[in-house]
PDB file of N, CA and C in Angstrom:
ATOM      1  N   UNK A   1     -20.747  44.990  -8.735  1.00  0.00           N
ATOM      2  CA  UNK A   1     -20.635  43.756  -9.467  1.00  0.00           C
ATOM      3  C   UNK A   1     -21.812  43.662 -10.423  1.00  0.00           C
ATOM      4  N   UNK A   2     -21.494  43.351 -11.658  1.00  0.00           N
ATOM      5  CA  UNK A   2     -22.519  43.261 -12.680  1.00  0.00           C
ATOM      6  C   UNK A   2     -22.902  41.792 -12.884  1.00  0.00           C
ATOM      7  N   UNK A   3     -24.191  41.525 -12.846  1.00  0.00           N
ATOM      8  CA  UNK A   3     -24.672  40.157 -13.028  1.00  0.00           C
ATOM      9  C   UNK A   3     -25.351  40.070 -14.377  1.00  0.00           C
ATOM     10  N   UNK A   4     -24.872  39.141 -15.213  1.00  0.00           N
ATOM     11  CA  UNK A   4     -25.459  38.964 -16.534  1.00  0.00           C
ATOM     12  C   UNK A   4     -26.209  37.642 -16.597  1.00  0.00           C
ATOM     13  N   UNK A   5     -26.599  37.279 -17.822  1.00  0.00           N
ATOM     14  CA  UNK A   5     -27.311  36.026 -18.026  1.00  0.00           C
ATOM     15  C   UNK A   5     -26.325  34.865 -17.957  1.00  0.00           C
ATOM     16  N   UNK A   6     -26.702  33.802 -17.251  1.00  0.00           N
ATOM     17  CA  UNK A   6     -25.827  32.642 -17.089  1.00  0.00           C
ATOM     18  C   UNK A   6     -25.587  31.906 -18.392  1.00  0.00           C
ATOM     19  N   UNK A   7     -26.573  31.840 -19.277  1.00  0.00           N
ATOM     20  CA  UNK A   7     -26.382  31.092 -20.508  1.00  0.00           C
ATOM     21  C   UNK A   7     -25.332  31.727 -21.421  1.00  0.00           C
ATOM     22  N   UNK A   8     -24.973  32.971 -21.169  1.00  0.00           N
ATOM     23  CA  UNK A   8     -23.950  33.643 -21.960  1.00  0.00           C
ATOM     24  C   UNK A   8     -22.541  33.450 -21.392  1.00  0.00           C
ATOM     25  N   UNK A   9     -22.439  32.940 -20.205  1.00  0.00           N
ATOM     26  CA  UNK A   9     -21.152  32.797 -19.531  1.00  0.00           C
ATOM     27  C   UNK A   9     -20.709  31.333 -19.541  1.00  0.00           C
ATOM     28  N   UNK A  10     -19.390  31.123 -19.665  1.00  0.00           N
ATOM     29  CA  UNK A  10     -18.890  29.751 -19.543  1.00  0.00           C
ATOM     30  C   UNK A  10     -18.716  29.438 -18.065  1.00  0.00           C
ATOM     31  N   UNK A  11     -19.126  28.265 -17.683  1.00  0.00           N
ATOM     32  CA  UNK A  11     -19.080  27.855 -16.290  1.00  0.00           C
ATOM     33  C   UNK A  11     -17.916  26.882 -16.117  1.00  0.00           C
ATOM     34  N   UNK A  12     -17.084  27.149 -15.117  1.00  0.00           N
ATOM     35  CA  UNK A  12     -15.972  26.231 -14.847  1.00  0.00           C
ATOM     36  C   UNK A  12     -16.451  25.158 -13.887  1.00  0.00           C
ATOM     37  N   UNK A  13     -15.970  23.908 -14.048  1.00  0.00           N
ATOM     38  CA  UNK A  13     -16.419  22.830 -13.168  1.00  0.00           C
ATOM     39  C   UNK A  13     -15.874  23.001 -11.757  1.00  0.00           C
ATOM     40  N   UNK A  14     -16.582  22.434 -10.796  1.00  0.00           N
ATOM     41  CA  UNK A  14     -16.136  22.455  -9.411  1.00  0.00           C
ATOM     42  C   UNK A  14     -14.866  21.627  -9.275  1.00  0.00           C
ATOM     43  N   UNK A  15     -14.145  21.853  -8.190  1.00  0.00           N
ATOM     44  CA  UNK A  15     -12.880  21.148  -7.984  1.00  0.00           C
ATOM     45  C   UNK A  15     -13.076  19.638  -7.991  1.00  0.00           C
ATOM     46  N   UNK A  16     -14.145  19.136  -7.367  1.00  0.00           N
ATOM     47  CA  UNK A  16     -14.376  17.692  -7.337  1.00  0.00           C
ATOM     48  C   UNK A  16     -14.652  17.147  -8.734  1.00  0.00           C
ATOM     49  N   UNK A  17     -15.326  17.932  -9.576  1.00  0.00           N
ATOM     50  CA  UNK A  17     -15.584  17.493 -10.943  1.00  0.00           C
ATOM     51  C   UNK A  17     -14.309  17.474 -11.763  1.00  0.00           C
ATOM     52  N   UNK A  18     -13.416  18.443 -11.516  1.00  0.00           N
ATOM     53  CA  UNK A  18     -12.138  18.472 -12.231  1.00  0.00           C
ATOM     54  C   UNK A  18     -11.301  17.256 -11.863  1.00  0.00           C
ATOM     55  N   UNK A  19     -11.297  16.898 -10.558  1.00  0.00           N
ATOM     56  CA  UNK A  19     -10.513  15.739 -10.110  1.00  0.00           C
ATOM     57  C   UNK A  19     -11.042  14.450 -10.719  1.00  0.00           C
ATOM     58  N   UNK A  20     -12.373  14.269 -10.712  1.00  0.00           N
ATOM     59  CA  UNK A  20     -12.928  13.045 -11.274  1.00  0.00           C
ATOM     60  C   UNK A  20     -12.704  12.991 -12.771  1.00  0.00           C
ATOM     61  N   UNK A  21     -12.728  14.120 -13.430  1.00  0.00           N
ATOM     62  CA  UNK A  21     -12.451  14.169 -14.865  1.00  0.00           C
ATOM     63  C   UNK A  21     -11.008  13.809 -15.150  1.00  0.00           C
ATOM     64  N   UNK A  22     -10.086  14.261 -14.299  1.00  0.00           N
ATOM     65  CA  UNK A  22      -8.665  13.943 -14.477  1.00  0.00           C
ATOM     66  C   UNK A  22      -8.429  12.463 -14.249  1.00  0.00           C
ATOM     67  N   UNK A  23      -9.114  11.891 -13.270  1.00  0.00           N
ATOM     68  CA  UNK A  23      -8.962  10.454 -13.013  1.00  0.00           C
ATOM     69  C   UNK A  23      -9.488   9.648 -14.189  1.00  0.00           C
ATOM     70  N   UNK A  24     -10.600  10.085 -14.758  1.00  0.00           N
ATOM     71  CA  UNK A  24     -11.167   9.376 -15.903  1.00  0.00           C
ATOM     72  C   UNK A  24     -10.253   9.478 -17.108  1.00  0.00           C
ATOM     73  N   UNK A  25      -9.644  10.657 -17.314  1.00  0.00           N
ATOM     74  CA  UNK A  25      -8.765  10.812 -18.471  1.00  0.00           C
ATOM     75  C   UNK A  25      -7.482  10.016 -18.287  1.00  0.00           C
ATOM     76  N   UNK A  26      -6.984   9.901 -17.041  1.00  0.00           N
ATOM     77  CA  UNK A  26      -5.774   9.103 -16.826  1.00  0.00           C
ATOM     78  C   UNK A  26      -6.079   7.625 -17.009  1.00  0.00           C
ATOM     79  N   UNK A  27      -7.280   7.198 -16.644  1.00  0.00           N
ATOM     80  CA  UNK A  27      -7.671   5.810 -16.864  1.00  0.00           C
ATOM     81  C   UNK A  27      -7.792   5.537 -18.353  1.00  0.00           C
ATOM     82  N   UNK A  28      -8.366   6.472 -19.076  1.00  0.00           N
ATOM     83  CA  UNK A  28      -8.503   6.303 -20.511  1.00  0.00           C
ATOM     84  C   UNK A  28      -7.133   6.288 -21.179  1.00  0.00           C
ATOM     85  N   UNK A  29      -6.197   7.088 -20.676  1.00  0.00           N
ATOM     86  CA  UNK A  29      -4.849   7.119 -21.253  1.00  0.00           C
ATOM     87  C   UNK A  29      -4.160   5.785 -21.022  1.00  0.00           C
ATOM     88  N   UNK A  30      -4.396   5.164 -19.860  1.00  0.00           N
ATOM     89  CA  UNK A  30      -3.799   3.870 -19.573  1.00  0.00           C
ATOM     90  C   UNK A  30      -4.326   2.794 -20.499  1.00  0.00           C
ATOM     91  N   UNK A  31      -5.579   2.903 -20.906  1.00  0.00           N
ATOM     92  CA  UNK A  31      -6.180   1.906 -21.787  1.00  0.00           C
ATOM     93  C   UNK A  31      -5.772   2.103 -23.240  1.00  0.00           C
ATOM     94  N   UNK A  32      -5.358   3.324 -23.571  1.00  0.00           N
ATOM     95  CA  UNK A  32      -5.018   3.592 -24.963  1.00  0.00           C
ATOM     96  C   UNK A  32      -3.595   3.184 -25.300  1.00  0.00           C
ATOM     97  N   UNK A  33      -2.855   2.661 -24.345  1.00  0.00           N
ATOM     98  CA  UNK A  33      -1.502   2.204 -24.609  1.00  0.00           C
ATOM     99  C   UNK A  33      -0.464   3.288 -24.420  1.00  0.00           C
ATOM    100  N   UNK A  34      -0.792   4.362 -23.722  1.00  0.00           N
ATOM    101  CA  UNK A  34       0.171   5.421 -23.472  1.00  0.00           C
ATOM    102  C   UNK A  34       1.298   4.879 -22.597  1.00  0.00           C
ATOM    103  N   UNK A  35       2.483   5.357 -22.837  1.00  0.00           N
ATOM    104  CA  UNK A  35       3.642   4.877 -22.092  1.00  0.00           C
ATOM    105  C   UNK A  35       3.655   5.489 -20.700  1.00  0.00           C
ATOM    106  N   UNK A  36       3.933   4.666 -19.695  1.00  0.00           N
ATOM    107  CA  UNK A  36       3.979   5.139 -18.318  1.00  0.00           C
ATOM    108  C   UNK A  36       5.237   5.958 -18.097  1.00  0.00           C
ATOM    109  N   UNK A  37       5.135   6.969 -17.247  1.00  0.00           N
ATOM    110  CA  UNK A  37       6.277   7.830 -16.997  1.00  0.00           C
ATOM    111  C   UNK A  37       6.943   7.540 -15.662  1.00  0.00           C
ATOM    112  N   UNK A  38       6.404   6.621 -14.878  1.00  0.00           N
ATOM    113  CA  UNK A  38       6.976   6.308 -13.568  1.00  0.00           C
ATOM    114  C   UNK A  38       7.592   4.920 -13.580  1.00  0.00           C
ATOM    115  N   UNK A  39       8.642   4.771 -12.791  1.00  0.00           N
ATOM    116  CA  UNK A  39       9.274   3.475 -12.639  1.00  0.00           C
ATOM    117  C   UNK A  39       8.951   2.957 -11.251  1.00  0.00           C
ATOM    118  N   UNK A  40       8.557   1.711 -11.159  1.00  0.00           N
ATOM    119  CA  UNK A  40       8.185   1.114  -9.891  1.00  0.00           C
ATOM    120  C   UNK A  40       9.163   0.004  -9.572  1.00  0.00           C
ATOM    121  N   UNK A  41       9.696   0.005  -8.353  1.00  0.00           N
ATOM    122  CA  UNK A  41      10.595  -1.056  -7.895  1.00  0.00           C
ATOM    123  C   UNK A  41       9.896  -1.828  -6.789  1.00  0.00           C
ATOM    124  N   UNK A  42       9.798  -3.124  -6.946  1.00  0.00           N
ATOM    125  CA  UNK A  42       9.138  -3.963  -5.951  1.00  0.00           C
ATOM    126  C   UNK A  42      10.152  -4.473  -4.938  1.00  0.00           C
ATOM    127  N   UNK A  43       9.703  -4.626  -3.698  1.00  0.00           N
ATOM    128  CA  UNK A  43      10.580  -5.150  -2.658  1.00  0.00           C
ATOM    129  C   UNK A  43      10.798  -6.643  -2.887  1.00  0.00           C
ATOM    130  N   UNK A  44      11.788  -7.193  -2.206  1.00  0.00           N
ATOM    131  CA  UNK A  44      12.079  -8.616  -2.323  1.00  0.00           C
ATOM    132  C   UNK A  44      10.899  -9.458  -1.855  1.00  0.00           C
ATOM    133  N   UNK A  45      10.192  -8.993  -0.832  1.00  0.00           N
ATOM    134  CA  UNK A  45       9.038  -9.729  -0.321  1.00  0.00           C
ATOM    135  C   UNK A  45       7.939  -9.814  -1.366  1.00  0.00           C
ATOM    136  N   UNK A  46       7.646  -8.704  -2.006  1.00  0.00           N
ATOM    137  CA  UNK A  46       6.606  -8.697  -3.046  1.00  0.00           C
ATOM    138  C   UNK A  46       7.029  -9.575  -4.208  1.00  0.00           C
ATOM    139  N   UNK A  47       8.290  -9.499  -4.574  1.00  0.00           N
ATOM    140  CA  UNK A  47       8.788 -10.321  -5.672  1.00  0.00           C
ATOM    141  C   UNK A  47       8.625 -11.801  -5.358  1.00  0.00           C
ATOM    142  N   UNK A  48       8.939 -12.194  -4.123  1.00  0.00           N
ATOM    143  CA  UNK A  48       8.775 -13.595  -3.719  1.00  0.00           C
ATOM    144  C   UNK A  48       7.308 -14.000  -3.740  1.00  0.00           C
ATOM    145  N   UNK A  49       6.451 -13.124  -3.244  1.00  0.00           N
ATOM    146  CA  UNK A  49       5.024 -13.449  -3.200  1.00  0.00           C
ATOM    147  C   UNK A  49       4.435 -13.594  -4.593  1.00  0.00           C
ATOM    148  N   UNK A  50       4.812 -12.700  -5.493  1.00  0.00           N
ATOM    149  CA  UNK A  50       4.268 -12.785  -6.838  1.00  0.00           C
ATOM    150  C   UNK A  50       4.862 -13.940  -7.624  1.00  0.00           C
ATOM    151  N   UNK A  51       6.060 -14.388  -7.248  1.00  0.00           N
ATOM    152  CA  UNK A  51       6.694 -15.503  -7.942  1.00  0.00           C
ATOM    153  C   UNK A  51       6.173 -16.842  -7.424  1.00  0.00           C
ATOM    154  N   UNK A  52       5.330 -16.810  -6.400  1.00  0.00           N
ATOM    155  CA  UNK A  52       4.773 -18.049  -5.861  1.00  0.00           C
ATOM    156  C   UNK A  52       5.740 -18.779  -4.959  1.00  0.00           C
ATOM    157  N   UNK A  53       6.639 -18.047  -4.318  1.00  0.00           N
ATOM    158  CA  UNK A  53       7.607 -18.661  -3.415  1.00  0.00           C
ATOM    159  C   UNK A  53       6.881 -19.343  -2.261  1.00  0.00           C
ATOM    160  N   UNK A  54       7.397 -20.478  -1.833  1.00  0.00           N
ATOM    161  CA  UNK A  54       6.776 -21.222  -0.733  1.00  0.00           C
ATOM    162  C   UNK A  54       7.496 -20.982   0.583  1.00  0.00           C
ATOM    163  N   UNK A  55       8.373 -19.966   0.630  1.00  0.00           N
ATOM    164  CA  UNK A  55       9.099 -19.683   1.869  1.00  0.00           C
ATOM    165  C   UNK A  55       8.157 -19.261   2.991  1.00  0.00           C
ATOM    166  N   UNK A  56       7.094 -18.548   2.682  1.00  0.00           N
ATOM    167  CA  UNK A  56       6.177 -18.041   3.685  1.00  0.00           C
ATOM    168  C   UNK A  56       4.919 -18.872   3.779  1.00  0.00           C
ATOM    169  N   UNK A  57       5.052 -20.177   3.763  1.00  0.00           N
ATOM    170  CA  UNK A  57       3.898 -21.069   3.796  1.00  0.00           C
ATOM    171  C   UNK A  57       3.173 -20.915   5.130  1.00  0.00           C
ATOM    172  N   UNK A  58       1.876 -20.855   5.062  1.00  0.00           N
ATOM    173  CA  UNK A  58       1.035 -20.755   6.250  1.00  0.00           C
ATOM    174  C   UNK A  58       1.014 -22.090   6.965  1.00  0.00           C
ATOM    175  N   UNK A  59       1.381 -22.082   8.234  1.00  0.00           N
ATOM    176  CA  UNK A  59       1.426 -23.305   9.037  1.00  0.00           C
ATOM    177  C   UNK A  59       0.227 -23.314   9.981  1.00  0.00           C
ATOM    178  N   UNK A  60      -0.859 -23.936   9.545  1.00  0.00           N
ATOM    179  CA  UNK A  60      -2.096 -23.953  10.331  1.00  0.00           C
ATOM    180  C   UNK A  60      -1.907 -24.658  11.664  1.00  0.00           C
ATOM    181  N   UNK A  61      -1.074 -25.699  11.693  1.00  0.00           N
ATOM    182  CA  UNK A  61      -0.839 -26.425  12.940  1.00  0.00           C
ATOM    183  C   UNK A  61      -0.148 -25.533  13.971  1.00  0.00           C
ATOM    184  N   UNK A  62       0.808 -24.734  13.510  1.00  0.00           N
ATOM    185  CA  UNK A  62       1.517 -23.826  14.423  1.00  0.00           C
ATOM    186  C   UNK A  62       0.563 -22.771  14.969  1.00  0.00           C
ATOM    187  N   UNK A  63      -0.284 -22.246  14.094  1.00  0.00           N
ATOM    188  CA  UNK A  63      -1.263 -21.256  14.534  1.00  0.00           C
ATOM    189  C   UNK A  63      -2.195 -21.865  15.580  1.00  0.00           C
ATOM    190  N   UNK A  64      -2.609 -23.093  15.350  1.00  0.00           N
ATOM    191  CA  UNK A  64      -3.491 -23.763  16.306  1.00  0.00           C
ATOM    192  C   UNK A  64      -2.795 -23.976  17.645  1.00  0.00           C
ATOM    193  N   UNK A  65      -1.517 -24.373  17.618  1.00  0.00           N
ATOM    194  CA  UNK A  65      -0.754 -24.570  18.867  1.00  0.00           C
ATOM    195  C   UNK A  65      -0.652 -23.261  19.650  1.00  0.00           C
ATOM    196  N   UNK A  66      -0.361 -22.185  18.951  1.00  0.00           N
ATOM    197  CA  UNK A  66      -0.245 -20.889  19.626  1.00  0.00           C
ATOM    198  C   UNK A  66      -1.599 -20.450  20.167  1.00  0.00           C
ATOM    199  N   UNK A  67      -2.636 -20.648  19.378  1.00  0.00           N
ATOM    200  CA  UNK A  67      -3.986 -20.295  19.824  1.00  0.00           C
ATOM    201  C   UNK A  67      -4.379 -21.074  21.077  1.00  0.00           C
ATOM    202  N   UNK A  68      -4.076 -22.356  21.076  1.00  0.00           N
ATOM    203  CA  UNK A  68      -4.380 -23.192  22.249  1.00  0.00           C
ATOM    204  C   UNK A  68      -3.598 -22.723  23.470  1.00  0.00           C
ATOM    205  N   UNK A  69      -2.319 -22.393  23.274  1.00  0.00           N
ATOM    206  CA  UNK A  69      -1.481 -21.936  24.389  1.00  0.00           C
ATOM    207  C   UNK A  69      -2.003 -20.624  24.966  1.00  0.00           C
ATOM    208  N   UNK A  70      -2.448 -19.715  24.083  1.00  0.00           N
ATOM    209  CA  UNK A  70      -3.002 -18.447  24.556  1.00  0.00           C
ATOM    210  C   UNK A  70      -4.285 -18.699  25.331  1.00  0.00           C
ATOM    211  N   UNK A  71      -5.150 -19.536  24.780  1.00  0.00           N
ATOM    212  CA  UNK A  71      -6.427 -19.839  25.432  1.00  0.00           C
ATOM    213  C   UNK A  71      -6.215 -20.481  26.792  1.00  0.00           C
ATOM    214  N   UNK A  72      -5.210 -21.364  26.890  1.00  0.00           N
ATOM    215  CA  UNK A  72      -4.944 -22.068  28.146  1.00  0.00           C
ATOM    216  C   UNK A  72      -4.082 -21.261  29.113  1.00  0.00           C
ATOM    217  N   UNK A  73      -3.639 -20.082  28.692  1.00  0.00           N
ATOM    218  CA  UNK A  73      -2.810 -19.245  29.555  1.00  0.00           C
ATOM    219  C   UNK A  73      -1.369 -19.726  29.654  1.00  0.00           C
ATOM    220  N   UNK A  74      -0.921 -20.536  28.709  1.00  0.00           N
ATOM    221  CA  UNK A  74       0.430 -21.090  28.749  1.00  0.00           C
ATOM    222  C   UNK A  74       1.394 -20.398  27.785  1.00  0.00           C
ATOM    223  N   UNK A  75       0.893 -19.474  26.976  1.00  0.00           N
ATOM    224  CA  UNK A  75       1.750 -18.804  26.005  1.00  0.00           C
ATOM    225  C   UNK A  75       2.642 -17.803  26.719  1.00  0.00           C
ATOM    226  N   UNK A  76       3.956 -17.889  26.464  1.00  0.00           N
ATOM    227  CA  UNK A  76       4.907 -16.976  27.080  1.00  0.00           C
ATOM    228  C   UNK A  76       5.502 -16.058  26.021  1.00  0.00           C
ATOM    229  N   UNK A  77       5.471 -14.765  26.314  1.00  0.00           N
ATOM    230  CA  UNK A  77       6.012 -13.767  25.403  1.00  0.00           C
ATOM    231  C   UNK A  77       7.501 -13.609  25.689  1.00  0.00           C
ATOM    232  N   UNK A  78       8.307 -13.570  24.635  1.00  0.00           N
ATOM    233  CA  UNK A  78       9.744 -13.358  24.769  1.00  0.00           C
ATOM    234  C   UNK A  78      10.035 -11.902  24.414  1.00  0.00           C
ATOM    235  N   UNK A  79      10.112 -11.014  25.417  1.00  0.00           N
ATOM    236  CA  UNK A  79      10.285  -9.590  25.125  1.00  0.00           C
ATOM    237  C   UNK A  79      11.614  -9.271  24.433  1.00  0.00           C
ATOM    238  N   UNK A  80      12.657 -10.053  24.707  1.00  0.00           N
ATOM    239  CA  UNK A  80      13.951  -9.809  24.063  1.00  0.00           C
ATOM    240  C   UNK A  80      13.855 -10.053  22.550  1.00  0.00           C
ATOM    241  N   UNK A  81      13.184 -11.126  22.163  1.00  0.00           N
ATOM    242  CA  UNK A  81      13.028 -11.429  20.738  1.00  0.00           C
ATOM    243  C   UNK A  81      12.199 -10.353  20.047  1.00  0.00           C
ATOM    244  N   UNK A  82      11.153  -9.894  20.710  1.00  0.00           N
ATOM    245  CA  UNK A  82      10.314  -8.844  20.137  1.00  0.00           C
ATOM    246  C   UNK A  82      11.125  -7.562  19.976  1.00  0.00           C
ATOM    247  N   UNK A  83      11.886  -7.203  21.000  1.00  0.00           N
ATOM    248  CA  UNK A  83      12.699  -5.984  20.936  1.00  0.00           C
ATOM    249  C   UNK A  83      13.738  -6.075  19.821  1.00  0.00           C
ATOM    250  N   UNK A  84      14.382  -7.222  19.700  1.00  0.00           N
ATOM    251  CA  UNK A  84      15.387  -7.399  18.650  1.00  0.00           C
ATOM    252  C   UNK A  84      14.774  -7.245  17.263  1.00  0.00           C
ATOM    253  N   UNK A  85      13.620  -7.838  17.052  1.00  0.00           N
ATOM    254  CA  UNK A  85      12.970  -7.756  15.747  1.00  0.00           C
ATOM    255  C   UNK A  85      12.469  -6.345  15.455  1.00  0.00           C
ATOM    256  N   UNK A  86      12.010  -5.627  16.478  1.00  0.00           N
ATOM    257  CA  UNK A  86      11.594  -4.238  16.288  1.00  0.00           C
ATOM    258  C   UNK A  86      12.781  -3.360  15.891  1.00  0.00           C
ATOM    259  N   UNK A  87      13.923  -3.595  16.515  1.00  0.00           N
ATOM    260  CA  UNK A  87      15.122  -2.812  16.187  1.00  0.00           C
ATOM    261  C   UNK A  87      15.558  -3.089  14.754  1.00  0.00           C
ATOM    262  N   UNK A  88      15.571  -4.359  14.352  1.00  0.00           N
ATOM    263  CA  UNK A  88      15.957  -4.709  12.981  1.00  0.00           C
ATOM    264  C   UNK A  88      14.990  -4.083  11.986  1.00  0.00           C
ATOM    265  N   UNK A  89      13.705  -4.137  12.300  1.00  0.00           N
ATOM    266  CA  UNK A  89      12.690  -3.558  11.421  1.00  0.00           C
ATOM    267  C   UNK A  89      12.894  -2.047  11.289  1.00  0.00           C
ATOM    268  N   UNK A  90      13.145  -1.364  12.400  1.00  0.00           N
ATOM    269  CA  UNK A  90      13.364   0.082  12.370  1.00  0.00           C
ATOM    270  C   UNK A  90      14.615   0.418  11.568  1.00  0.00           C
ATOM    271  N   UNK A  91      15.670  -0.381  11.730  1.00  0.00           N
ATOM    272  CA  UNK A  91      16.899  -0.139  10.972  1.00  0.00           C
ATOM    273  C   UNK A  91      16.652  -0.297   9.476  1.00  0.00           C
ATOM    274  N   UNK A  92      15.874  -1.302   9.090  1.00  0.00           N
ATOM    275  CA  UNK A  92      15.557  -1.505   7.679  1.00  0.00           C
ATOM    276  C   UNK A  92      14.762  -0.326   7.125  1.00  0.00           C
ATOM    277  N   UNK A  93      13.786   0.142   7.897  1.00  0.00           N
ATOM    278  CA  UNK A  93      12.972   1.264   7.455  1.00  0.00           C
ATOM    279  C   UNK A  93      13.802   2.536   7.336  1.00  0.00           C
ATOM    280  N   UNK A  94      14.666   2.777   8.306  1.00  0.00           N
ATOM    281  CA  UNK A  94      15.513   3.970   8.258  1.00  0.00           C
ATOM    282  C   UNK A  94      16.514   3.886   7.135  1.00  0.00           C
ATOM    283  N   UNK A  95      17.027   2.685   6.873  1.00  0.00           N
ATOM    284  CA  UNK A  95      17.960   2.499   5.771  1.00  0.00           C
ATOM    285  C   UNK A  95      17.289   2.732   4.438  1.00  0.00           C
ATOM    286  N   UNK A  96      16.061   2.268   4.285  1.00  0.00           N
ATOM    287  CA  UNK A  96      15.308   2.472   3.037  1.00  0.00           C
ATOM    288  C   UNK A  96      14.924   3.934   2.878  1.00  0.00           C
ATOM    289  N   UNK A  97      14.632   4.613   3.978  1.00  0.00           N
ATOM    290  CA  UNK A  97      14.233   6.024   3.896  1.00  0.00           C
ATOM    291  C   UNK A  97      15.413   6.878   3.466  1.00  0.00           C
ATOM    292  N   UNK A  98      16.621   6.503   3.847  1.00  0.00           N
ATOM    293  CA  UNK A  98      17.800   7.259   3.473  1.00  0.00           C
ATOM    294  C   UNK A  98      18.151   7.119   2.013  1.00  0.00           C
ATOM    295  N   UNK A  99      17.676   6.063   1.355  1.00  0.00           N
ATOM    296  CA  UNK A  99      17.981   5.813  -0.049  1.00  0.00           C
ATOM    297  C   UNK A  99      17.079   6.585  -0.990  1.00  0.00           C
ATOM    298  N   UNK A 100      15.992   7.156  -0.479  1.00  0.00           N
ATOM    299  CA  UNK A 100      15.020   7.861  -1.328  1.00  0.00           C
ATOM    300  C   UNK A 100      15.516   9.177  -1.755  1.00  0.00           C
TER     301      UNK A 100
END
């Protein structure tokens, strides 16, 4: 192997420097008004949240009641309701995964 003077050779950047340079150039491209090439679809939940929907209003009184019941040892878990909601959630996730 022949070793020459470094100032005569072009040096390639390290992988981490290439990645940070690519991120900087993509950020600069976004600021220059370049057209995006990806399409993004938002879920119904995100759409409701961004639209300011009041369907999911935080009920502080309900949270306090549940907290008090847990603290007092009076809170009862309904395993059937939890199981039903887990099954529905899994079905939704599997249905969405099949559409990709």
